[in-house]
Amino acid sequence: MTVAETAKQAGFEILSGEAALSREIKSVFCCDLLSFVMGRAPQDSAWVTVMGNVNAVAVASLADTACLILAENAEMDSTARMRAKEQDIAVLRTALPVYEAARAVDRIACNRPE
């Protein structure tokens, strides 16, 4: 399922990445340790985190994730927002905690039952 379809069904807010919204989500990855994400996040995964800074956007690009999902209504700073727009990184936001956001994506995008 695409990032846009997942965002719509899950009720996630779309913050950036207009062209990247058509990417397919193949898995979910949760972590806030950037070096760990760089080496372990699967390509085309939905990365769920609370880090909304420019470094998170850079790691999403390096890891080639389908999208970056900010859980717990985490804010995205202005530099990160600008960089995500420039690099066309899909960034979504939800009030859900990390675990619940990941479960929602897994259920919706990866077709796994609850």
PDB file of N, CA and C in Angstrom:
ATOM      1  N   MET A   1       0.842  -1.171   0.000  1.00  0.00           N
ATOM      2  CA  MET A   1       0.000   0.000   0.000  1.00  0.00           C
ATOM      3  C   MET A   1       0.895   1.245   0.000  1.00  0.00           C
ATOM      4  N   THR A   2       0.436   2.303  -0.595  1.00  0.00           N
ATOM      5  CA  THR A   2       1.252   3.516  -0.692  1.00  0.00           C
ATOM      6  C   THR A   2       1.246   4.315   0.610  1.00  0.00           C
ATOM      7  N   VAL A   3       2.183   5.228   0.698  1.00  0.00           N
ATOM      8  CA  VAL A   3       2.265   6.126   1.856  1.00  0.00           C
ATOM      9  C   VAL A   3       0.978   6.940   1.962  1.00  0.00           C
ATOM     10  N   ALA A   4       0.494   7.480   0.837  1.00  0.00           N
ATOM     11  CA  ALA A   4      -0.722   8.309   0.844  1.00  0.00           C
ATOM     12  C   ALA A   4      -1.937   7.516   1.299  1.00  0.00           C
ATOM     13  N   GLU A   5      -2.103   6.300   0.790  1.00  0.00           N
ATOM     14  CA  GLU A   5      -3.240   5.466   1.181  1.00  0.00           C
ATOM     15  C   GLU A   5      -3.173   5.106   2.661  1.00  0.00           C
ATOM     16  N   THR A   6      -1.975   4.792   3.127  1.00  0.00           N
ATOM     17  CA  THR A   6      -1.789   4.449   4.535  1.00  0.00           C
ATOM     18  C   THR A   6      -2.109   5.646   5.421  1.00  0.00           C
ATOM     19  N   ALA A   7      -1.599   6.811   5.052  1.00  0.00           N
ATOM     20  CA  ALA A   7      -1.854   8.031   5.831  1.00  0.00           C
ATOM     21  C   ALA A   7      -3.353   8.307   5.919  1.00  0.00           C
ATOM     22  N   LYS A   8      -4.038   8.163   4.816  1.00  0.00           N
ATOM     23  CA  LYS A   8      -5.476   8.430   4.797  1.00  0.00           C
ATOM     24  C   LYS A   8      -6.229   7.447   5.699  1.00  0.00           C
ATOM     25  N   GLN A   9      -5.944   6.163   5.548  1.00  0.00           N
ATOM     26  CA  GLN A   9      -6.654   5.157   6.343  1.00  0.00           C
ATOM     27  C   GLN A   9      -6.325   5.239   7.829  1.00  0.00           C
ATOM     28  N   ALA A  10      -5.076   5.604   8.149  1.00  0.00           N
ATOM     29  CA  ALA A  10      -4.667   5.686   9.559  1.00  0.00           C
ATOM     30  C   ALA A  10      -5.026   7.025  10.192  1.00  0.00           C
ATOM     31  N   GLY A  11      -5.372   8.010   9.367  1.00  0.00           N
ATOM     32  CA  GLY A  11      -5.681   9.344   9.880  1.00  0.00           C
ATOM     33  C   GLY A  11      -4.440  10.142  10.238  1.00  0.00           C
ATOM     34  N   PHE A  12      -3.317   9.845   9.580  1.00  0.00           N
ATOM     35  CA  PHE A  12      -2.067  10.562   9.826  1.00  0.00           C
ATOM     36  C   PHE A  12      -2.037  11.845   9.004  1.00  0.00           C
ATOM     37  N   GLU A  13      -1.478  12.888   9.573  1.00  0.00           N
ATOM     38  CA  GLU A  13      -1.298  14.166   8.886  1.00  0.00           C
ATOM     39  C   GLU A  13      -0.084  14.070   7.960  1.00  0.00           C
ATOM     40  N   ILE A  14      -0.202  14.588   6.746  1.00  0.00           N
ATOM     41  CA  ILE A  14       0.914  14.618   5.798  1.00  0.00           C
ATOM     42  C   ILE A  14       1.604  15.972   5.920  1.00  0.00           C
ATOM     43  N   LEU A  15       2.900  15.954   6.251  1.00  0.00           N
ATOM     44  CA  LEU A  15       3.665  17.187   6.431  1.00  0.00           C
ATOM     45  C   LEU A  15       4.504  17.545   5.209  1.00  0.00           C
ATOM     46  N   SER A  16       4.968  16.537   4.467  1.00  0.00           N
ATOM     47  CA  SER A  16       5.795  16.815   3.290  1.00  0.00           C
ATOM     48  C   SER A  16       5.899  15.589   2.403  1.00  0.00           C
ATOM     49  N   GLY A  17       6.486  15.794   1.227  1.00  0.00           N
ATOM     50  CA  GLY A  17       6.820  14.690   0.340  1.00  0.00           C
ATOM     51  C   GLY A  17       5.784  14.362  -0.698  1.00  0.00           C
ATOM     52  N   GLU A  18       5.255  15.363  -1.349  1.00  0.00           N
ATOM     53  CA  GLU A  18       4.173  15.162  -2.319  1.00  0.00           C
ATOM     54  C   GLU A  18       4.430  14.012  -3.295  1.00  0.00           C
ATOM     55  N   ALA A  19       5.563  14.001  -3.975  1.00  0.00           N
ATOM     56  CA  ALA A  19       5.849  12.947  -4.962  1.00  0.00           C
ATOM     57  C   ALA A  19       6.142  11.605  -4.294  1.00  0.00           C
ATOM     58  N   ALA A  20       6.680  11.636  -3.091  1.00  0.00           N
ATOM     59  CA  ALA A  20       7.035  10.393  -2.384  1.00  0.00           C
ATOM     60  C   ALA A  20       5.820   9.683  -1.793  1.00  0.00           C
ATOM     61  N   LEU A  21       4.666  10.319  -1.819  1.00  0.00           N
ATOM     62  CA  LEU A  21       3.466   9.718  -1.244  1.00  0.00           C
ATOM     63  C   LEU A  21       3.005   8.488  -2.023  1.00  0.00           C
ATOM     64  N   SER A  22       3.513   8.318  -3.226  1.00  0.00           N
ATOM     65  CA  SER A  22       3.128   7.158  -4.042  1.00  0.00           C
ATOM     66  C   SER A  22       4.028   5.945  -3.791  1.00  0.00           C
ATOM     67  N   ARG A  23       5.031   6.100  -2.916  1.00  0.00           N
ATOM     68  CA  ARG A  23       5.911   4.961  -2.603  1.00  0.00           C
ATOM     69  C   ARG A  23       5.145   3.893  -1.834  1.00  0.00           C
ATOM     70  N   GLU A  24       5.501   2.650  -2.081  1.00  0.00           N
ATOM     71  CA  GLU A  24       4.901   1.522  -1.383  1.00  0.00           C
ATOM     72  C   GLU A  24       5.602   1.311  -0.032  1.00  0.00           C
ATOM     73  N   ILE A  25       4.825   1.038   0.995  1.00  0.00           N
ATOM     74  CA  ILE A  25       5.368   0.676   2.305  1.00  0.00           C
ATOM     75  C   ILE A  25       5.409  -0.843   2.367  1.00  0.00           C
ATOM     76  N   LYS A  26       6.601  -1.380   2.651  1.00  0.00           N
ATOM     77  CA  LYS A  26       6.755  -2.845   2.693  1.00  0.00           C
ATOM     78  C   LYS A  26       6.931  -3.383   4.110  1.00  0.00           C
ATOM     79  N   SER A  27       7.317  -2.502   5.049  1.00  0.00           N
ATOM     80  CA  SER A  27       7.514  -2.928   6.431  1.00  0.00           C
ATOM     81  C   SER A  27       7.495  -1.707   7.330  1.00  0.00           C
ATOM     82  N   VAL A  28       7.640  -1.943   8.627  1.00  0.00           N
ATOM     83  CA  VAL A  28       7.663  -0.859   9.618  1.00  0.00           C
ATOM     84  C   VAL A  28       8.934  -0.999  10.438  1.00  0.00           C
ATOM     85  N   PHE A  29       9.537   0.139  10.785  1.00  0.00           N
ATOM     86  CA  PHE A  29      10.746   0.140  11.606  1.00  0.00           C
ATOM     87  C   PHE A  29      10.603   1.229  12.658  1.00  0.00           C
ATOM     88  N   CYS A  30      10.893   0.902  13.919  1.00  0.00           N
ATOM     89  CA  CYS A  30      10.796   1.862  15.018  1.00  0.00           C
ATOM     90  C   CYS A  30      12.143   1.996  15.706  1.00  0.00           C
ATOM     91  N   CYS A  31      12.619   3.209  15.824  1.00  0.00           N
ATOM     92  CA  CYS A  31      13.878   3.461  16.525  1.00  0.00           C
ATOM     93  C   CYS A  31      14.151   4.960  16.562  1.00  0.00           C
ATOM     94  N   ASP A  32      14.812   5.421  17.615  1.00  0.00           N
ATOM     95  CA  ASP A  32      15.205   6.819  17.721  1.00  0.00           C
ATOM     96  C   ASP A  32      16.717   7.008  17.685  1.00  0.00           C
ATOM     97  N   LEU A  33      17.460   5.934  17.588  1.00  0.00           N
ATOM     98  CA  LEU A  33      18.916   6.015  17.526  1.00  0.00           C
ATOM     99  C   LEU A  33      19.318   6.059  16.050  1.00  0.00           C
ATOM    100  N   LEU A  34      19.732   7.239  15.593  1.00  0.00           N
ATOM    101  CA  LEU A  34      19.949   7.462  14.162  1.00  0.00           C
ATOM    102  C   LEU A  34      20.967   6.518  13.535  1.00  0.00           C
ATOM    103  N   SER A  35      22.061   6.247  14.213  1.00  0.00           N
ATOM    104  CA  SER A  35      23.071   5.355  13.643  1.00  0.00           C
ATOM    105  C   SER A  35      22.516   3.942  13.485  1.00  0.00           C
ATOM    106  N   PHE A  36      21.646   3.544  14.378  1.00  0.00           N
ATOM    107  CA  PHE A  36      21.017   2.233  14.303  1.00  0.00           C
ATOM    108  C   PHE A  36      20.068   2.178  13.100  1.00  0.00           C
ATOM    109  N   VAL A  37      19.309   3.242  12.902  1.00  0.00           N
ATOM    110  CA  VAL A  37      18.371   3.323  11.778  1.00  0.00           C
ATOM    111  C   VAL A  37      19.133   3.270  10.458  1.00  0.00           C
ATOM    112  N   MET A  38      20.235   3.997  10.365  1.00  0.00           N
ATOM    113  CA  MET A  38      21.026   4.019   9.120  1.00  0.00           C
ATOM    114  C   MET A  38      21.448   2.621   8.699  1.00  0.00           C
ATOM    115  N   GLY A  39      21.817   1.797   9.645  1.00  0.00           N
ATOM    116  CA  GLY A  39      22.318   0.479   9.328  1.00  0.00           C
ATOM    117  C   GLY A  39      21.279  -0.622   9.292  1.00  0.00           C
ATOM    118  N   ARG A  40      20.090  -0.362   9.841  1.00  0.00           N
ATOM    119  CA  ARG A  40      19.135  -1.464   9.991  1.00  0.00           C
ATOM    120  C   ARG A  40      17.748  -1.241   9.421  1.00  0.00           C
ATOM    121  N   ALA A  41      17.359  -0.008   9.163  1.00  0.00           N
ATOM    122  CA  ALA A  41      16.009   0.217   8.632  1.00  0.00           C
ATOM    123  C   ALA A  41      15.913  -0.349   7.218  1.00  0.00           C
ATOM    124  N   PRO A  42      14.940  -1.210   6.965  1.00  0.00           N
ATOM    125  CA  PRO A  42      14.801  -1.763   5.616  1.00  0.00           C
ATOM    126  C   PRO A  42      14.382  -0.691   4.610  1.00  0.00           C
ATOM    127  N   GLN A  43      14.862  -0.831   3.404  1.00  0.00           N
ATOM    128  CA  GLN A  43      14.431   0.044   2.316  1.00  0.00           C
ATOM    129  C   GLN A  43      12.913  -0.100   2.177  1.00  0.00           C
ATOM    130  N   ASP A  44      12.238   0.991   1.867  1.00  0.00           N
ATOM    131  CA  ASP A  44      10.786   1.035   1.682  1.00  0.00           C
ATOM    132  C   ASP A  44       9.997   0.788   2.966  1.00  0.00           C
ATOM    133  N   SER A  45      10.645   0.951   4.113  1.00  0.00           N
ATOM    134  CA  SER A  45       9.917   0.806   5.373  1.00  0.00           C
ATOM    135  C   SER A  45       9.327   2.149   5.786  1.00  0.00           C
ATOM    136  N   ALA A  46       8.337   2.087   6.656  1.00  0.00           N
ATOM    137  CA  ALA A  46       7.798   3.277   7.312  1.00  0.00           C
ATOM    138  C   ALA A  46       8.563   3.382   8.627  1.00  0.00           C
ATOM    139  N   TRP A  47       9.345   4.435   8.772  1.00  0.00           N
ATOM    140  CA  TRP A  47      10.163   4.621   9.977  1.00  0.00           C
ATOM    141  C   TRP A  47       9.371   5.465  10.968  1.00  0.00           C
ATOM    142  N   VAL A  48       9.076   4.907  12.128  1.00  0.00           N
ATOM    143  CA  VAL A  48       8.315   5.593  13.161  1.00  0.00           C
ATOM    144  C   VAL A  48       9.275   6.057  14.252  1.00  0.00           C
ATOM    145  N   THR A  49       9.218   7.353  14.566  1.00  0.00           N
ATOM    146  CA  THR A  49      10.132   7.953  15.533  1.00  0.00           C
ATOM    147  C   THR A  49       9.479   9.188  16.154  1.00  0.00           C
ATOM    148  N   VAL A  50      10.161   9.811  17.101  1.00  0.00           N
ATOM    149  CA  VAL A  50       9.719  11.095  17.649  1.00  0.00           C
ATOM    150  C   VAL A  50      10.708  12.206  17.286  1.00  0.00           C
ATOM    151  N   MET A  51      11.665  11.869  16.454  1.00  0.00           N
ATOM    152  CA  MET A  51      12.709  12.835  16.096  1.00  0.00           C
ATOM    153  C   MET A  51      12.350  13.587  14.815  1.00  0.00           C
ATOM    154  N   GLY A  52      12.064  14.869  14.952  1.00  0.00           N
ATOM    155  CA  GLY A  52      11.657  15.684  13.811  1.00  0.00           C
ATOM    156  C   GLY A  52      12.697  16.706  13.419  1.00  0.00           C
ATOM    157  N   ASN A  53      13.962  16.317  13.479  1.00  0.00           N
ATOM    158  CA  ASN A  53      15.016  17.280  13.127  1.00  0.00           C
ATOM    159  C   ASN A  53      15.631  16.944  11.775  1.00  0.00           C
ATOM    160  N   VAL A  54      16.533  17.801  11.322  1.00  0.00           N
ATOM    161  CA  VAL A  54      17.151  17.645  10.008  1.00  0.00           C
ATOM    162  C   VAL A  54      17.967  16.354   9.914  1.00  0.00           C
ATOM    163  N   ASN A  55      18.525  15.904  11.019  1.00  0.00           N
ATOM    164  CA  ASN A  55      19.287  14.646  11.001  1.00  0.00           C
ATOM    165  C   ASN A  55      18.376  13.448  10.714  1.00  0.00           C
ATOM    166  N   ALA A  56      17.173  13.467  11.244  1.00  0.00           N
ATOM    167  CA  ALA A  56      16.223  12.390  10.966  1.00  0.00           C
ATOM    168  C   ALA A  56      15.849  12.368   9.492  1.00  0.00           C
ATOM    169  N   VAL A  57      15.676  13.528   8.905  1.00  0.00           N
ATOM    170  CA  VAL A  57      15.373  13.608   7.471  1.00  0.00           C
ATOM    171  C   VAL A  57      16.536  13.048   6.659  1.00  0.00           C
ATOM    172  N   ALA A  58      17.763  13.389   7.042  1.00  0.00           N
ATOM    173  CA  ALA A  58      18.944  12.869   6.343  1.00  0.00           C
ATOM    174  C   ALA A  58      19.020  11.348   6.448  1.00  0.00           C
ATOM    175  N   VAL A  59      18.737  10.811   7.617  1.00  0.00           N
ATOM    176  CA  VAL A  59      18.780   9.362   7.809  1.00  0.00           C
ATOM    177  C   VAL A  59      17.670   8.685   7.006  1.00  0.00           C
ATOM    178  N   ALA A  60      16.488   9.273   6.943  1.00  0.00           N
ATOM    179  CA  ALA A  60      15.397   8.714   6.135  1.00  0.00           C
ATOM    180  C   ALA A  60      15.821   8.630   4.674  1.00  0.00           C
ATOM    181  N   SER A  61      16.540   9.640   4.218  1.00  0.00           N
ATOM    182  CA  SER A  61      17.041   9.642   2.846  1.00  0.00           C
ATOM    183  C   SER A  61      18.114   8.574   2.647  1.00  0.00           C
ATOM    184  N   LEU A  62      19.074   8.515   3.559  1.00  0.00           N
ATOM    185  CA  LEU A  62      20.161   7.527   3.459  1.00  0.00           C
ATOM    186  C   LEU A  62      19.651   6.093   3.525  1.00  0.00           C
ATOM    187  N   ALA A  63      18.689   5.841   4.396  1.00  0.00           N
ATOM    188  CA  ALA A  63      18.150   4.497   4.566  1.00  0.00           C
ATOM    189  C   ALA A  63      17.116   4.163   3.487  1.00  0.00           C
ATOM    190  N   ASP A  64      16.722   5.166   2.725  1.00  0.00           N
ATOM    191  CA  ASP A  64      15.737   5.011   1.656  1.00  0.00           C
ATOM    192  C   ASP A  64      14.424   4.442   2.177  1.00  0.00           C
ATOM    193  N   THR A  65      13.960   5.010   3.299  1.00  0.00           N
ATOM    194  CA  THR A  65      12.669   4.592   3.837  1.00  0.00           C
ATOM    195  C   THR A  65      11.550   5.183   2.980  1.00  0.00           C
ATOM    196  N   ALA A  66      10.411   4.526   2.980  1.00  0.00           N
ATOM    197  CA  ALA A  66       9.268   5.022   2.212  1.00  0.00           C
ATOM    198  C   ALA A  66       8.736   6.318   2.819  1.00  0.00           C
ATOM    199  N   CYS A  67       8.819   6.414   4.144  1.00  0.00           N
ATOM    200  CA  CYS A  67       8.355   7.624   4.821  1.00  0.00           C
ATOM    201  C   CYS A  67       8.913   7.670   6.238  1.00  0.00           C
ATOM    202  N   LEU A  68       8.808   8.834   6.803  1.00  0.00           N
ATOM    203  CA  LEU A  68       9.174   9.100   8.197  1.00  0.00           C
ATOM    204  C   LEU A  68       7.870   9.451   8.894  1.00  0.00           C
ATOM    205  N   ILE A  69       7.546   8.746   9.962  1.00  0.00           N
ATOM    206  CA  ILE A  69       6.311   9.024  10.700  1.00  0.00           C
ATOM    207  C   ILE A  69       6.672   9.547  12.082  1.00  0.00           C
ATOM    208  N   LEU A  70       6.228  10.761  12.364  1.00  0.00           N
ATOM    209  CA  LEU A  70       6.465  11.372  13.672  1.00  0.00           C
ATOM    210  C   LEU A  70       5.307  10.999  14.595  1.00  0.00           C
ATOM    211  N   ALA A  71       5.602  10.217  15.614  1.00  0.00           N
ATOM    212  CA  ALA A  71       4.601   9.782  16.583  1.00  0.00           C
ATOM    213  C   ALA A  71       4.489  10.801  17.714  1.00  0.00           C
ATOM    214  N   GLU A  72       3.466  10.647  18.535  1.00  0.00           N
ATOM    215  CA  GLU A  72       3.252  11.478  19.724  1.00  0.00           C
ATOM    216  C   GLU A  72       3.149  12.967  19.393  1.00  0.00           C
ATOM    217  N   ASN A  73       2.686  13.283  18.179  1.00  0.00           N
ATOM    218  CA  ASN A  73       2.582  14.671  17.701  1.00  0.00           C
ATOM    219  C   ASN A  73       3.908  15.413  17.778  1.00  0.00           C
ATOM    220  N   ALA A  74       4.998  14.685  17.590  1.00  0.00           N
ATOM    221  CA  ALA A  74       6.319  15.315  17.618  1.00  0.00           C
ATOM    222  C   ALA A  74       6.386  16.396  16.546  1.00  0.00           C
ATOM    223  N   GLU A  75       7.012  17.477  16.875  1.00  0.00           N
ATOM    224  CA  GLU A  75       7.138  18.599  15.956  1.00  0.00           C
ATOM    225  C   GLU A  75       8.312  18.393  15.012  1.00  0.00           C
ATOM    226  N   MET A  76       8.203  18.982  13.859  1.00  0.00           N
ATOM    227  CA  MET A  76       9.283  18.985  12.883  1.00  0.00           C
ATOM    228  C   MET A  76       9.813  20.416  12.828  1.00  0.00           C
ATOM    229  N   ASP A  77      11.112  20.588  13.084  1.00  0.00           N
ATOM    230  CA  ASP A  77      11.631  21.954  13.079  1.00  0.00           C
ATOM    231  C   ASP A  77      11.673  22.498  11.648  1.00  0.00           C
ATOM    232  N   SER A  78      11.809  23.803  11.530  1.00  0.00           N
ATOM    233  CA  SER A  78      11.717  24.454  10.218  1.00  0.00           C
ATOM    234  C   SER A  78      12.807  24.003   9.247  1.00  0.00           C
ATOM    235  N   THR A  79      14.010  23.769   9.744  1.00  0.00           N
ATOM    236  CA  THR A  79      15.095  23.294   8.885  1.00  0.00           C
ATOM    237  C   THR A  79      14.778  21.903   8.353  1.00  0.00           C
ATOM    238  N   ALA A  80      14.270  21.043   9.206  1.00  0.00           N
ATOM    239  CA  ALA A  80      13.903  19.687   8.797  1.00  0.00           C
ATOM    240  C   ALA A  80      12.765  19.723   7.779  1.00  0.00           C
ATOM    241  N   ARG A  81      11.811  20.569   8.006  1.00  0.00           N
ATOM    242  CA  ARG A  81      10.676  20.703   7.085  1.00  0.00           C
ATOM    243  C   ARG A  81      11.158  21.133   5.700  1.00  0.00           C
ATOM    244  N   MET A  82      12.058  22.108   5.679  1.00  0.00           N
ATOM    245  CA  MET A  82      12.607  22.594   4.416  1.00  0.00           C
ATOM    246  C   MET A  82      13.406  21.494   3.706  1.00  0.00           C
ATOM    247  N   ARG A  83      14.232  20.775   4.448  1.00  0.00           N
ATOM    248  CA  ARG A  83      15.056  19.709   3.865  1.00  0.00           C
ATOM    249  C   ARG A  83      14.188  18.561   3.349  1.00  0.00           C
ATOM    250  N   ALA A  84      13.149  18.206   4.090  1.00  0.00           N
ATOM    251  CA  ALA A  84      12.240  17.137   3.646  1.00  0.00           C
ATOM    252  C   ALA A  84      11.555  17.531   2.346  1.00  0.00           C
ATOM    253  N   LYS A  85      11.198  18.786   2.257  1.00  0.00           N
ATOM    254  CA  LYS A  85      10.560  19.277   1.029  1.00  0.00           C
ATOM    255  C   LYS A  85      11.549  19.246  -0.135  1.00  0.00           C
ATOM    256  N   GLU A  86      12.771  19.717   0.095  1.00  0.00           N
ATOM    257  CA  GLU A  86      13.807  19.735  -0.948  1.00  0.00           C
ATOM    258  C   GLU A  86      14.129  18.327  -1.449  1.00  0.00           C
ATOM    259  N   GLN A  87      14.195  17.366  -0.531  1.00  0.00           N
ATOM    260  CA  GLN A  87      14.597  16.000  -0.879  1.00  0.00           C
ATOM    261  C   GLN A  87      13.395  15.090  -1.152  1.00  0.00           C
ATOM    262  N   ASP A  88      12.214  15.659  -1.102  1.00  0.00           N
ATOM    263  CA  ASP A  88      10.966  14.935  -1.320  1.00  0.00           C
ATOM    264  C   ASP A  88      10.865  13.689  -0.442  1.00  0.00           C
ATOM    265  N   ILE A  89      11.046  13.903   0.851  1.00  0.00           N
ATOM    266  CA  ILE A  89      10.897  12.849   1.849  1.00  0.00           C
ATOM    267  C   ILE A  89       9.472  12.946   2.406  1.00  0.00           C
ATOM    268  N   ALA A  90       8.726  11.858   2.323  1.00  0.00           N
ATOM    269  CA  ALA A  90       7.372  11.846   2.872  1.00  0.00           C
ATOM    270  C   ALA A  90       7.458  11.815   4.397  1.00  0.00           C
ATOM    271  N   VAL A  91       6.849  12.807   5.023  1.00  0.00           N
ATOM    272  CA  VAL A  91       6.815  12.873   6.483  1.00  0.00           C
ATOM    273  C   VAL A  91       5.353  12.957   6.915  1.00  0.00           C
ATOM    274  N   LEU A  92       4.983  12.057   7.808  1.00  0.00           N
ATOM    275  CA  LEU A  92       3.634  12.013   8.355  1.00  0.00           C
ATOM    276  C   LEU A  92       3.697  12.270   9.852  1.00  0.00           C
ATOM    277  N   ARG A  93       2.548  12.641  10.431  1.00  0.00           N
ATOM    278  CA  ARG A  93       2.518  12.858  11.884  1.00  0.00           C
ATOM    279  C   ARG A  93       1.222  12.299  12.452  1.00  0.00           C
ATOM    280  N   THR A  94       1.331  11.759  13.657  1.00  0.00           N
ATOM    281  CA  THR A  94       0.185  11.216  14.372  1.00  0.00           C
ATOM    282  C   THR A  94       0.328  11.482  15.866  1.00  0.00           C
ATOM    283  N   ALA A  95      -0.791  11.530  16.541  1.00  0.00           N
ATOM    284  CA  ALA A  95      -0.782  11.672  18.001  1.00  0.00           C
ATOM    285  C   ALA A  95      -0.518  10.339  18.691  1.00  0.00           C
ATOM    286  N   LEU A  96      -0.610   9.246  17.953  1.00  0.00           N
ATOM    287  CA  LEU A  96      -0.410   7.922  18.542  1.00  0.00           C
ATOM    288  C   LEU A  96       1.003   7.753  19.086  1.00  0.00           C
ATOM    289  N   PRO A  97       1.164   6.945  20.133  1.00  0.00           N
ATOM    290  CA  PRO A  97       2.505   6.584  20.588  1.00  0.00           C
ATOM    291  C   PRO A  97       3.211   5.765  19.496  1.00  0.00           C
ATOM    292  N   VAL A  98       4.518   5.647  19.593  1.00  0.00           N
ATOM    293  CA  VAL A  98       5.311   4.947  18.580  1.00  0.00           C
ATOM    294  C   VAL A  98       4.764   3.547  18.316  1.00  0.00           C
ATOM    295  N   TYR A  99       4.564   2.776  19.359  1.00  0.00           N
ATOM    296  CA  TYR A  99       4.109   1.400  19.192  1.00  0.00           C
ATOM    297  C   TYR A  99       2.761   1.337  18.479  1.00  0.00           C
ATOM    298  N   GLU A 100       1.823   2.158  18.904  1.00  0.00           N
ATOM    299  CA  GLU A 100       0.482   2.148  18.303  1.00  0.00           C
ATOM    300  C   GLU A 100       0.527   2.628  16.854  1.00  0.00           C
ATOM    301  N   ALA A 101       1.361   3.599  16.555  1.00  0.00           N
ATOM    302  CA  ALA A 101       1.507   4.073  15.170  1.00  0.00           C
ATOM    303  C   ALA A 101       2.072   2.960  14.294  1.00  0.00           C
ATOM    304  N   ALA A 102       3.072   2.265  14.807  1.00  0.00           N
ATOM    305  CA  ALA A 102       3.676   1.159  14.059  1.00  0.00           C
ATOM    306  C   ALA A 102       2.663   0.041  13.835  1.00  0.00           C
ATOM    307  N   ARG A 103       1.875  -0.270  14.844  1.00  0.00           N
ATOM    308  CA  ARG A 103       0.837  -1.306  14.691  1.00  0.00           C
ATOM    309  C   ARG A 103      -0.171  -0.913  13.628  1.00  0.00           C
ATOM    310  N   ALA A 104      -0.563   0.354  13.617  1.00  0.00           N
ATOM    311  CA  ALA A 104      -1.527   0.822  12.618  1.00  0.00           C
ATOM    312  C   ALA A 104      -0.963   0.672  11.210  1.00  0.00           C
ATOM    313  N   VAL A 105       0.280   1.071  11.011  1.00  0.00           N
ATOM    314  CA  VAL A 105       0.906   0.947   9.693  1.00  0.00           C
ATOM    315  C   VAL A 105       1.047  -0.512   9.314  1.00  0.00           C
ATOM    316  N   ASP A 106       1.459  -1.344  10.234  1.00  0.00           N
ATOM    317  CA  ASP A 106       1.634  -2.762   9.960  1.00  0.00           C
ATOM    318  C   ASP A 106       0.300  -3.393   9.540  1.00  0.00           C
ATOM    319  N   ARG A 107      -0.757  -3.033  10.240  1.00  0.00           N
ATOM    320  CA  ARG A 107      -2.081  -3.571   9.927  1.00  0.00           C
ATOM    321  C   ARG A 107      -2.581  -3.073   8.582  1.00  0.00           C
ATOM    322  N   ILE A 108      -2.425  -1.783   8.330  1.00  0.00           N
ATOM    323  CA  ILE A 108      -2.975  -1.170   7.118  1.00  0.00           C
ATOM    324  C   ILE A 108      -2.098  -1.430   5.896  1.00  0.00           C
ATOM    325  N   ALA A 109      -0.840  -1.074   5.972  1.00  0.00           N
ATOM    326  CA  ALA A 109       0.040  -1.141   4.795  1.00  0.00           C
ATOM    327  C   ALA A 109       0.569  -2.538   4.521  1.00  0.00           C
ATOM    328  N   CYS A 110       0.776  -3.318   5.569  1.00  0.00           N
ATOM    329  CA  CYS A 110       1.382  -4.643   5.403  1.00  0.00           C
ATOM    330  C   CYS A 110       0.366  -5.770   5.517  1.00  0.00           C
ATOM    331  N   ASN A 111      -0.911  -5.386   5.652  1.00  0.00           N
ATOM    332  CA  ASN A 111      -2.018  -6.362   5.706  1.00  0.00           C
ATOM    333  C   ASN A 111      -1.858  -7.424   6.788  1.00  0.00           C
ATOM    334  N   ARG A 112      -1.416  -7.024   7.949  1.00  0.00           N
ATOM    335  CA  ARG A 112      -1.315  -7.972   9.053  1.00  0.00           C
ATOM    336  C   ARG A 112      -2.500  -7.755   9.982  1.00  0.00           C
ATOM    337  N   PRO A 113      -3.157  -8.831  10.380  1.00  0.00           N
ATOM    338  CA  PRO A 113      -4.316  -8.684  11.267  1.00  0.00           C
ATOM    339  C   PRO A 113      -3.900  -8.187  12.651  1.00  0.00           C
ATOM    340  N   GLU A 114      -4.845  -7.627  13.359  1.00  0.00           N
ATOM    341  CA  GLU A 114      -4.551  -7.124  14.710  1.00  0.00           C
ATOM    342  C   GLU A 114      -4.278  -8.249  15.660  1.00  0.00           C
TER     343      GLU A 114
END
